[in-house]
Amino acid sequence: MSRRLEDARILMYSHDTFGLGHLRRCRAIAHALVEDYRGLNILIISGATIAGAFDYRARVDFVKIPSVIKLRNGEYTSLASHIDLHETLKMRESSIRHTAETFQPDIFIVDKEPMGLKGEVEDTLAYLKARGTVLVLGLREIMDAPHLLEAEWKKNSIMQKIDQYYDSVWVYGPPDFYDPLIGLDVPASLRRKMDFVGFLQRSVSRGKTSINARKDNYILVTTGGGGDGSDLVHDVMNAYEADPTLTQKALVVLGPYMPAAERAKLVQKGEAIPYIEVIEFDNHMEELIDSATGVVAMGGYNTYCEILSFDKPALIVPRVKPREEQLLRAQRASELGLVDMLLPDQSVDPTIMAEALKRLPFRQPPSKSGGNMRLEGLDHISQTVGRWIDGRGSHLSLVGAE
């Protein structure tokens, strides 16, 4: 049931330096909101090189800013190698500010990086705050290990700045799963702004069929964007090579950001294994997960939401550096009985991996673990946005916002 809103505008910012997680999360929120509210327009500012590879609903569009990529060591570099990082960041900063000035949003939602990449959003936050835009910071339910996050935030006084600029902080998970700011010294005024909305439920888009859709019994192996996913795919293939009794069909999605040399190596390796099909990318991953018997993944935020949304048995092999976010999520989910987990030093052993793959299709789905999966994030966000926009007469007053 969608309500009519008279020209309300939401601007979203997704820094997108590594992988697809931020953009996919923003897009899921944007699509849910325009479905609920006619007359709402949403613009996503994204640094993702493949922002245009996804389809967007009517009244959702994106502005592409120059891409900056995060290297494995955690440092950043411009995608256009002939332009230095400082110049690229200046271009991004002015594009963001210019977009905000032209679009004049009622609400500005910033994904994960409170001040943007290297502080590029702070100027825009100050501008929008002065004109009464509601400022929202959206955080994953798990950011990173507390000591790593604290070090990162302390040197830029991030905690004080969040409190200074933002009206609300949405945590994209339930309060009993994880607290993204655990172990940090959080001011009471900021705690009061935090709203644990629940996980963001995913669904299969109507009328869109993936060209890779299958009807047979397969497990899906996905590494998200794929930038650091080649180890997991090698581990799966090595298990198939080592154990002739492993005859479960597998569809492997490498991800668009996997380095070309790694991709070529894995395509070739996969061709020699009769039960494995390898594809590079699919912009309808929800369909592939929905049809799968089970999922093998690294456990990034979006994939985890899809595993819960489509209630699939899952084996998670988390990335453990430079961030510990996937490790913490996998440990917590496995503790709750929602998924199986192998650490990378276990999954590299073909015998252990083969056994885990053989168990996967017979594993209970997450819903059978007895825990509430708390997939109400999109509904909760929609109600909150509706309340704010209804109260726009008083500058989108946040009085009474939970």
Protein backbone atom coordinates (compact mmCIF):
# COMPACT_ATOMS: atom_id res chain seq x y z
CA MET A 1 0.00 0.00 0.00
CA SER A 2 1.75 3.19 -1.04
CA ARG A 3 0.99 6.65 0.28
CA ARG A 4 1.21 9.85 -1.71
CA LEU A 5 3.84 12.33 -0.63
CA GLU A 6 4.15 15.69 -2.28
CA ASP A 7 7.66 15.90 -3.69
CA ALA A 8 9.70 14.64 -0.77
CA ARG A 9 13.38 14.09 -1.48
CA ILE A 10 15.97 11.82 0.05
CA LEU A 11 19.66 11.99 -0.78
CA MET A 12 21.87 8.99 0.07
CA TYR A 13 25.67 8.78 0.16
CA SER A 14 27.58 5.56 -0.36
CA HIS A 15 31.37 5.91 -0.43
CA ASP A 16 31.95 2.54 -2.18
CA THR A 17 35.68 2.01 -2.16
CA PHE A 18 35.66 -1.76 -1.89
CA GLY A 19 33.00 -4.23 -2.90
CA LEU A 20 29.30 -3.69 -3.48
CA GLY A 21 27.95 -3.79 0.07
CA HIS A 22 27.25 -0.11 0.61
CA LEU A 23 25.57 0.52 -2.73
CA ARG A 24 23.42 -2.62 -2.49
CA ARG A 25 22.28 -1.64 0.99
CA CYS A 26 21.38 1.92 -0.12
CA ARG A 27 19.55 0.57 -3.15
CA ALA A 28 17.51 -1.88 -1.04
CA ILE A 29 16.43 0.96 1.28
CA ALA A 30 15.66 3.30 -1.64
CA HIS A 31 13.55 0.70 -3.46
CA ALA A 32 11.55 -0.11 -0.32
CA LEU A 33 10.85 3.60 0.31
CA VAL A 34 9.68 4.51 -3.21
CA GLU A 35 7.42 1.46 -3.14
CA ASP A 36 5.80 2.72 0.06
CA TYR A 37 5.59 6.42 -0.86
CA ARG A 38 4.55 7.81 -4.24
CA GLY A 39 5.91 11.30 -4.77
CA LEU A 40 9.17 10.44 -3.02
CA ASN A 41 12.36 10.88 -5.08
CA ILE A 42 15.67 9.35 -4.05
CA LEU A 43 19.13 10.10 -5.36
CA ILE A 44 22.12 7.93 -4.39
CA ILE A 45 25.62 9.38 -4.58
CA SER A 46 27.98 6.47 -5.22
CA GLY A 47 31.65 5.92 -5.88
CA ALA A 48 31.09 2.34 -7.14
CA THR A 49 32.66 1.70 -10.54
CA ILE A 50 29.70 -0.47 -11.50
CA ALA A 51 26.87 1.61 -10.02
CA GLY A 52 25.28 1.55 -13.49
CA ALA A 53 25.24 -2.26 -13.73
CA PHE A 54 22.20 -2.46 -11.47
CA ASP A 55 18.68 -1.51 -12.39
CA TYR A 56 16.87 1.14 -10.35
CA ARG A 57 13.16 1.58 -9.74
CA ALA A 58 11.34 4.64 -11.02
CA ARG A 59 12.11 7.65 -8.78
CA VAL A 60 15.46 6.19 -7.69
CA ASP A 61 18.57 7.40 -9.51
CA PHE A 62 22.27 7.64 -8.81
CA VAL A 63 25.04 10.18 -9.28
CA LYS A 64 28.43 8.63 -9.90
CA ILE A 65 31.42 10.37 -8.30
CA PRO A 66 35.05 9.54 -9.26
CA SER A 67 36.07 6.13 -7.93
CA VAL A 68 38.59 5.61 -5.19
CA ILE A 69 39.61 2.05 -4.41
CA LYS A 70 40.72 0.56 -1.12
CA LEU A 71 43.77 -1.65 -1.42
CA ARG A 72 44.15 -4.83 0.62
CA ASN A 73 46.42 -3.04 3.09
CA GLY A 74 43.60 -0.61 3.88
CA GLU A 75 45.14 2.34 1.97
CA TYR A 76 43.26 4.20 -0.77
CA THR A 77 44.17 5.10 -4.35
CA SER A 78 42.36 6.77 -7.28
CA LEU A 79 40.94 4.38 -9.82
CA ALA A 80 42.20 6.70 -12.58
CA SER A 81 45.90 6.12 -11.96
CA HIS A 82 46.92 9.39 -13.63
CA ILE A 83 44.96 11.51 -11.13
CA ASP A 84 46.33 11.75 -7.62
CA LEU A 85 44.18 10.85 -4.62
CA HIS A 86 44.03 14.40 -3.30
CA GLU A 87 42.59 15.74 -6.59
CA THR A 88 40.09 12.89 -6.81
CA LEU A 89 38.90 13.56 -3.26
CA LYS A 90 38.50 17.28 -4.07
CA MET A 91 36.36 16.41 -7.10
CA ARG A 92 34.26 14.02 -5.05
CA GLU A 93 33.77 16.55 -2.26
CA SER A 94 32.61 19.31 -4.61
CA SER A 95 30.30 16.92 -6.53
CA ILE A 96 28.66 15.83 -3.27
CA ARG A 97 28.16 19.42 -2.10
CA HIS A 98 26.89 20.56 -5.51
CA THR A 99 24.43 17.64 -5.71
CA ALA A 100 23.07 18.47 -2.24
CA GLU A 101 22.67 22.16 -3.13
CA THR A 102 20.82 21.37 -6.35
CA PHE A 103 18.69 18.49 -5.06
CA GLN A 104 17.75 20.16 -1.74
CA PRO A 105 16.85 16.95 0.13
CA ASP A 106 14.46 16.68 3.10
CA ILE A 107 16.54 13.79 4.46
CA PHE A 108 20.21 12.90 3.90
CA ILE A 109 21.26 9.32 4.71
CA VAL A 110 24.98 8.57 4.95
CA ASP A 111 26.06 4.93 4.76
CA LYS A 112 28.69 3.77 7.28
CA GLU A 113 31.38 6.48 6.95
CA PRO A 114 30.11 9.24 9.28
CA MET A 115 32.10 12.05 7.64
CA GLY A 116 32.47 10.29 4.29
CA LEU A 117 35.71 9.03 2.80
CA LYS A 118 38.56 11.08 4.26
CA GLY A 119 36.02 13.61 5.58
CA GLU A 120 34.56 14.43 2.15
CA VAL A 121 30.95 14.77 3.40
CA GLU A 122 31.50 17.04 6.41
CA ASP A 123 31.11 20.26 4.42
CA THR A 124 27.81 19.01 2.96
CA LEU A 125 26.56 17.90 6.40
CA ALA A 126 27.22 21.40 7.80
CA TYR A 127 25.42 22.98 4.82
CA LEU A 128 22.37 20.68 5.05
CA LYS A 129 22.14 20.94 8.83
CA ALA A 130 21.96 24.74 8.54
CA ARG A 131 19.01 24.45 6.15
CA GLY A 132 17.10 21.99 8.32
CA THR A 133 17.61 18.71 6.44
CA VAL A 134 17.24 15.64 8.66
CA LEU A 135 20.66 13.96 8.83
CA VAL A 136 20.82 10.19 9.31
CA LEU A 137 23.85 7.96 9.73
CA GLY A 138 23.23 4.32 8.78
CA LEU A 139 25.56 1.77 10.40
CA ARG A 140 25.96 -1.93 9.76
CA GLU A 141 25.12 -3.96 12.87
CA ILE A 142 28.85 -4.76 13.06
CA MET A 143 31.42 -2.16 12.10
CA ASP A 144 34.72 -3.72 13.14
CA ALA A 145 36.59 -5.03 16.17
CA PRO A 146 36.23 -2.31 18.86
CA HIS A 147 39.97 -1.59 19.12
CA LEU A 148 40.25 -1.09 15.35
CA LEU A 149 37.16 1.12 15.10
CA GLU A 150 38.17 3.17 18.13
CA ALA A 151 41.63 3.88 16.70
CA GLU A 152 40.12 4.89 13.35
CA TRP A 153 37.50 7.19 14.91
CA LYS A 154 39.64 8.75 17.63
CA LYS A 155 42.14 10.37 15.32
CA ASN A 156 39.36 12.26 13.52
CA SER A 157 37.09 12.99 16.55
CA ILE A 158 34.36 11.04 14.74
CA MET A 159 32.23 10.30 17.82
CA GLN A 160 31.88 14.02 18.68
CA LYS A 161 31.12 14.86 15.04
CA ILE A 162 28.38 12.23 14.77
CA ASP A 163 26.78 13.72 17.85
CA GLN A 164 27.20 17.27 16.52
CA TYR A 165 25.74 16.71 13.03
CA TYR A 166 23.37 13.73 13.00
CA ASP A 167 19.75 13.70 14.13
CA SER A 168 19.45 9.93 14.08
CA VAL A 169 21.70 6.85 13.80
CA TRP A 170 20.08 3.78 12.27
CA VAL A 171 21.71 0.47 13.11
CA TYR A 172 20.84 -2.08 10.42
CA GLY A 173 20.33 -4.95 12.84
CA PRO A 174 18.37 -5.89 16.00
CA PRO A 175 19.71 -4.82 19.43
CA ASP A 176 20.16 -8.40 20.62
CA PHE A 177 22.40 -9.48 17.71
CA TYR A 178 25.27 -7.02 18.07
CA ASP A 179 26.03 -3.43 19.06
CA PRO A 180 28.22 -1.73 16.43
CA LEU A 181 29.70 0.65 19.03
CA ILE A 182 30.40 -2.02 21.66
CA GLY A 183 33.53 -1.30 23.69
CA LEU A 184 33.62 2.36 22.64
CA ASP A 185 33.01 5.34 24.87
CA VAL A 186 29.67 6.57 23.45
CA PRO A 187 28.17 9.82 24.82
CA ALA A 188 24.66 9.39 26.28
CA SER A 189 23.36 12.04 23.85
CA LEU A 190 24.50 9.86 20.93
CA ARG A 191 23.11 6.65 22.47
CA ARG A 192 19.69 8.34 22.55
CA LYS A 193 19.88 8.92 18.78
CA MET A 194 20.55 5.23 18.01
CA ASP A 195 17.67 3.24 16.53
CA PHE A 196 18.23 -0.51 16.02
CA VAL A 197 15.94 -1.02 13.02
CA GLY A 198 16.51 -4.76 12.41
CA PHE A 199 18.09 -6.54 9.44
CA LEU A 200 17.13 -5.34 5.95
CA GLN A 201 14.93 -8.01 4.38
CA ARG A 202 15.55 -8.84 0.72
CA SER A 203 13.13 -10.08 -1.89
CA VAL A 204 13.25 -11.23 -5.49
CA SER A 205 12.42 -8.39 -7.86
CA ARG A 206 9.21 -8.91 -9.79
CA GLY A 207 9.43 -9.77 -13.46
CA LYS A 208 13.21 -9.74 -13.56
CA THR A 209 14.77 -13.06 -14.35
CA SER A 210 18.44 -13.66 -13.97
CA ILE A 211 20.05 -15.03 -17.12
CA ASN A 212 21.77 -17.53 -14.81
CA ALA A 213 18.54 -18.76 -13.17
CA ARG A 214 18.53 -22.54 -12.68
CA LYS A 215 15.94 -25.08 -11.69
CA ASP A 216 18.28 -27.84 -10.53
CA ASN A 217 19.59 -28.59 -7.07
CA TYR A 218 22.73 -26.46 -6.57
CA ILE A 219 24.66 -24.70 -3.86
CA LEU A 220 25.63 -21.09 -4.52
CA VAL A 221 29.18 -19.95 -3.81
CA THR A 222 29.39 -16.16 -3.61
CA THR A 223 32.13 -13.79 -2.52
CA GLY A 224 30.14 -10.55 -2.83
CA GLY A 225 32.14 -8.02 -4.86
CA GLY A 226 34.92 -10.58 -5.16
CA GLY A 227 37.83 -8.20 -4.54
CA ASP A 228 39.16 -10.52 -1.87
CA GLY A 229 37.15 -13.63 -2.65
CA SER A 230 39.55 -15.81 -4.63
CA ASP A 231 40.83 -17.77 -1.61
CA LEU A 232 37.35 -19.03 -0.77
CA VAL A 233 36.69 -20.12 -4.37
CA HIS A 234 40.05 -21.92 -4.52
CA ASP A 235 39.19 -23.70 -1.25
CA VAL A 236 35.86 -24.91 -2.65
CA MET A 237 37.44 -26.10 -5.91
CA ASN A 238 40.28 -27.84 -4.06
CA ALA A 239 37.71 -29.73 -1.98
CA TYR A 240 36.00 -30.96 -5.16
CA GLU A 241 39.34 -32.02 -6.64
CA ALA A 242 40.34 -33.87 -3.48
CA ASP A 243 37.08 -35.71 -2.80
CA PRO A 244 35.47 -37.66 -5.65
CA THR A 245 32.38 -38.35 -3.49
CA LEU A 246 31.56 -34.61 -3.52
CA THR A 247 29.05 -34.53 -6.37
CA GLN A 248 26.82 -31.66 -5.25
CA LYS A 249 26.39 -29.17 -8.12
CA ALA A 250 27.75 -25.71 -7.37
CA LEU A 251 27.26 -22.34 -9.05
CA VAL A 252 30.23 -20.06 -8.31
CA VAL A 253 29.82 -16.27 -8.71
CA LEU A 254 33.26 -14.64 -8.71
CA GLY A 255 32.13 -11.02 -8.30
CA PRO A 256 32.85 -8.00 -10.51
CA TYR A 257 35.83 -6.75 -8.49
CA MET A 258 37.90 -9.93 -8.57
CA PRO A 259 41.31 -9.12 -10.12
CA ALA A 260 41.48 -10.31 -13.75
CA ALA A 261 44.41 -12.71 -13.23
CA GLU A 262 42.64 -14.44 -10.31
CA ARG A 263 39.42 -14.62 -12.28
CA ALA A 264 41.10 -16.24 -15.30
CA LYS A 265 42.80 -18.79 -13.05
CA LEU A 266 39.53 -19.76 -11.36
CA VAL A 267 37.51 -19.94 -14.60
CA GLN A 268 40.11 -22.36 -15.96
CA LYS A 269 40.26 -24.40 -12.77
CA GLY A 270 36.43 -24.60 -12.63
CA GLU A 271 36.21 -25.87 -16.20
CA ALA A 272 38.02 -29.05 -15.16
CA ILE A 273 35.48 -29.86 -12.40
CA PRO A 274 32.27 -31.36 -13.81
CA TYR A 275 30.00 -30.30 -10.93
CA ILE A 276 31.00 -26.64 -10.92
CA GLU A 277 29.75 -23.79 -13.09
CA VAL A 278 31.58 -20.46 -12.82
CA ILE A 279 30.06 -17.08 -13.68
CA GLU A 280 31.55 -13.63 -13.17
CA PHE A 281 28.66 -11.47 -11.99
CA ASP A 282 24.89 -11.36 -11.72
CA ASN A 283 22.95 -8.21 -10.83
CA HIS A 284 20.04 -10.34 -9.59
CA MET A 285 21.85 -12.24 -6.84
CA GLU A 286 18.64 -12.47 -4.82
CA GLU A 287 17.19 -14.87 -7.41
CA LEU A 288 20.26 -17.10 -7.35
CA ILE A 289 20.20 -17.30 -3.55
CA ASP A 290 16.44 -17.89 -3.48
CA SER A 291 16.73 -20.91 -5.81
CA ALA A 292 19.81 -22.43 -4.15
CA THR A 293 19.80 -25.44 -1.81
CA GLY A 294 22.46 -23.80 0.33
CA VAL A 295 24.92 -20.90 0.27
CA VAL A 296 28.68 -20.73 0.77
CA ALA A 297 29.79 -17.13 1.38
CA MET A 298 32.18 -14.82 3.17
CA GLY A 299 29.43 -13.31 5.25
CA GLY A 300 29.31 -9.66 4.28
CA TYR A 301 26.23 -7.76 5.45
CA ASN A 302 24.07 -8.05 2.30
CA THR A 303 24.71 -11.74 1.75
CA TYR A 304 23.91 -12.41 5.41
CA CYS A 305 20.58 -10.55 5.06
CA GLU A 306 19.81 -12.62 1.94
CA ILE A 307 20.63 -15.90 3.71
CA LEU A 308 18.15 -14.96 6.46
CA SER A 309 15.54 -13.49 4.08
CA PHE A 310 15.44 -16.59 1.87
CA ASP A 311 16.02 -18.90 4.85
CA LYS A 312 18.95 -20.82 3.36
CA PRO A 313 21.36 -23.24 5.03
CA ALA A 314 24.71 -21.47 4.91
CA LEU A 315 28.42 -22.07 5.36
CA ILE A 316 30.32 -18.87 6.13
CA VAL A 317 34.10 -18.49 5.69
CA PRO A 318 34.67 -14.90 6.85
CA ARG A 319 37.36 -12.46 5.83
CA VAL A 320 39.50 -11.82 8.93
CA LYS A 321 41.53 -8.76 7.84
CA PRO A 322 41.89 -5.78 7.46
CA ARG A 323 38.46 -5.60 9.16
CA GLU A 324 37.07 -8.22 11.54
CA GLU A 325 33.45 -7.38 10.75
CA GLN A 326 32.73 -10.62 8.81
CA LEU A 327 34.46 -12.73 11.46
CA LEU A 328 32.41 -11.18 14.27
CA ARG A 329 29.15 -11.60 12.30
CA ALA A 330 29.91 -15.24 11.45
CA GLN A 331 30.88 -16.04 15.05
CA ARG A 332 27.69 -14.47 16.42
CA ALA A 333 25.43 -16.11 13.81
CA SER A 334 27.05 -19.50 14.36
CA GLU A 335 26.72 -19.10 18.15
CA LEU A 336 22.98 -18.54 17.59
CA GLY A 337 22.82 -21.67 15.42
CA LEU A 338 21.87 -19.71 12.28
CA VAL A 339 24.84 -20.72 10.09
CA ASP A 340 27.87 -23.02 9.98
CA MET A 341 31.28 -21.36 10.03
CA LEU A 342 34.82 -22.30 9.02
CA LEU A 343 37.78 -20.03 9.62
CA PRO A 344 40.03 -19.46 6.58
CA ASP A 345 42.74 -21.70 8.06
CA GLN A 346 40.17 -24.53 8.26
CA SER A 347 38.59 -23.99 4.86
CA VAL A 348 42.00 -24.20 3.20
CA ASP A 349 42.10 -27.91 4.23
CA PRO A 350 40.30 -29.76 1.38
CA THR A 351 39.12 -32.58 3.70
CA ILE A 352 37.49 -30.20 6.17
CA MET A 353 35.96 -28.11 3.37
CA ALA A 354 34.63 -31.19 1.52
CA GLU A 355 32.92 -32.46 4.68
CA ALA A 356 31.35 -29.05 5.34
CA LEU A 357 30.09 -28.84 1.72
CA LYS A 358 28.56 -32.33 1.95
CA ARG A 359 26.75 -31.42 5.18
CA LEU A 360 25.41 -28.12 3.86
CA PRO A 361 22.34 -29.30 1.84
CA PHE A 362 21.14 -31.25 4.91
CA ARG A 363 21.59 -28.42 7.38
CA GLN A 364 18.50 -26.91 9.01
CA PRO A 365 17.61 -23.47 7.58
CA PRO A 366 18.17 -20.47 9.90
CA SER A 367 14.45 -20.25 10.82
CA LYS A 368 14.70 -23.66 12.52
CA SER A 369 17.34 -22.43 14.96
CA GLY A 370 14.63 -21.12 17.25
CA GLY A 371 15.85 -17.52 17.17
CA ASN A 372 13.87 -14.60 15.78
CA MET A 373 15.71 -13.38 12.68
CA ARG A 374 14.40 -9.81 13.05
CA LEU A 375 14.04 -8.87 9.40
CA GLU A 376 11.95 -5.76 9.94
CA GLY A 377 14.57 -3.13 9.03
CA LEU A 378 12.99 -1.85 5.81
CA ASP A 379 9.50 -1.62 7.38
CA HIS A 380 10.86 0.21 10.40
CA ILE A 381 12.79 2.69 8.22
CA SER A 382 9.72 3.28 6.07
CA GLN A 383 7.54 4.09 9.10
CA THR A 384 10.20 6.43 10.50
CA VAL A 385 10.59 8.28 7.18
CA GLY A 386 6.81 8.59 6.82
CA ARG A 387 6.55 10.10 10.29
CA TRP A 388 9.32 12.62 9.59
CA ILE A 389 7.94 13.68 6.24
CA ASP A 390 4.44 14.07 7.70
CA GLY A 391 5.98 16.45 10.23
CA ARG A 392 7.75 18.53 7.60
CA GLY A 393 5.78 21.64 8.44
CA SER A 394 8.00 22.00 11.49
CA HIS A 395 11.18 21.46 9.44
CA LEU A 396 10.75 17.70 9.45
CA SER A 397 10.63 17.88 13.23
CA LEU A 398 12.14 14.87 14.93
CA VAL A 399 10.19 15.37 18.12
CA GLY A 400 8.81 12.02 19.21
CA ALA A 401 11.02 10.10 16.76
CA GLU A 402 12.03 6.87 18.40
